Protein backbone atom coordinates (compact mmCIF):
# COMPACT_ATOMS: atom_id res chain seq x y z
CA MET A 1 0.14 0.12 0.03
CA GLU A 2 1.28 3.25 -0.90
CA ALA A 3 0.70 6.02 2.13
CA ASN A 4 -0.27 8.81 -0.53
CA LYS A 5 -2.53 6.97 -2.56
CA SER A 6 -6.12 6.71 -1.84
CA PRO A 7 -7.99 3.32 -2.58
CA LEU A 8 -9.86 4.91 -5.17
CA GLU A 9 -6.95 6.00 -7.16
CA ARG A 10 -5.45 2.40 -6.63
CA ALA A 11 -8.78 1.08 -7.84
CA PHE A 12 -8.34 2.97 -11.20
CA GLU A 13 -4.84 1.95 -11.45
CA LEU A 14 -5.67 -1.76 -11.19
CA ALA A 15 -8.71 -1.30 -13.54
CA ARG A 16 -6.14 -0.02 -16.13
CA SER A 17 -3.49 -2.64 -15.56
CA GLY A 18 -5.31 -5.65 -17.65
CA GLN A 19 -4.73 -7.91 -14.84
CA PHE A 20 -8.26 -8.08 -13.87
CA VAL A 21 -11.37 -9.69 -15.53
CA THR A 22 -13.90 -8.73 -12.98
CA LEU A 23 -14.59 -5.99 -10.46
CA SER A 24 -14.95 -8.38 -7.51
CA SER A 25 -11.33 -9.51 -8.28
CA LEU A 26 -10.15 -6.07 -8.33
CA VAL A 27 -11.80 -5.52 -5.16
CA GLN A 28 -10.21 -8.59 -3.29
CA ARG A 29 -6.69 -7.26 -4.63
CA LEU A 30 -7.24 -3.63 -3.17
CA SER A 31 -8.36 -5.58 0.23
CA TRP A 32 -5.08 -7.81 -0.09
CA GLU A 33 -2.94 -4.63 -0.68
CA GLY A 34 -4.16 -3.14 2.60
CA TYR A 35 -6.66 -0.64 1.22
CA SER A 36 -10.11 -0.24 2.34
CA SER A 37 -12.53 -1.00 -0.42
CA THR A 38 -15.49 0.87 1.22
CA GLN A 39 -15.08 3.65 -1.42
CA ILE A 40 -15.79 1.32 -4.36
CA GLU A 41 -19.38 2.02 -4.01
CA GLY A 42 -22.31 3.47 -6.17
CA PRO A 43 -23.63 2.25 -9.59
CA GLN A 44 -21.91 4.86 -11.77
CA LEU A 45 -18.29 4.24 -10.11
CA LYS A 46 -18.84 0.46 -10.51
CA LYS A 47 -19.92 1.08 -14.39
CA GLN A 48 -16.73 3.18 -14.90
CA LEU A 49 -14.44 0.69 -13.25
CA ASN A 50 -15.92 -2.05 -15.37
CA ALA A 51 -15.75 -0.17 -18.33
CA ILE A 52 -12.01 0.33 -17.89
CA ILE A 53 -11.48 -3.14 -16.93
CA GLN A 54 -13.01 -4.49 -20.31
CA ALA A 55 -11.27 -1.72 -22.31
CA ALA A 56 -7.91 -2.90 -20.59
CA GLN A 57 -8.90 -6.66 -21.40
CA ALA A 58 -9.56 -5.94 -24.79
CA GLU A 59 -6.12 -4.14 -25.26
CA LYS A 60 -4.31 -6.98 -23.72
CA ALA A 61 -5.93 -9.43 -25.88
CA LYS A 62 -4.97 -7.31 -29.02
CA VAL A 63 -1.40 -7.13 -27.92
CA ASP A 64 -1.39 -10.78 -27.10
CA ALA A 65 -2.81 -11.74 -30.71
CA GLN A 66 0.12 -10.03 -32.38
């Protein structure tokens, strides 16, 4: 856990990483890293994070196919 990084900032970093297929696995990772996942609430935020996860997965698949 980075002392100056909020759980929300870390969630967006993880979503962009391409390492996660689901939001629930990302939230588990946040908890494992010592971040509180209580800020990862609300339909709009979850929708936004899911969209980023899907885009990162699509980019990863594109790169892997080359």
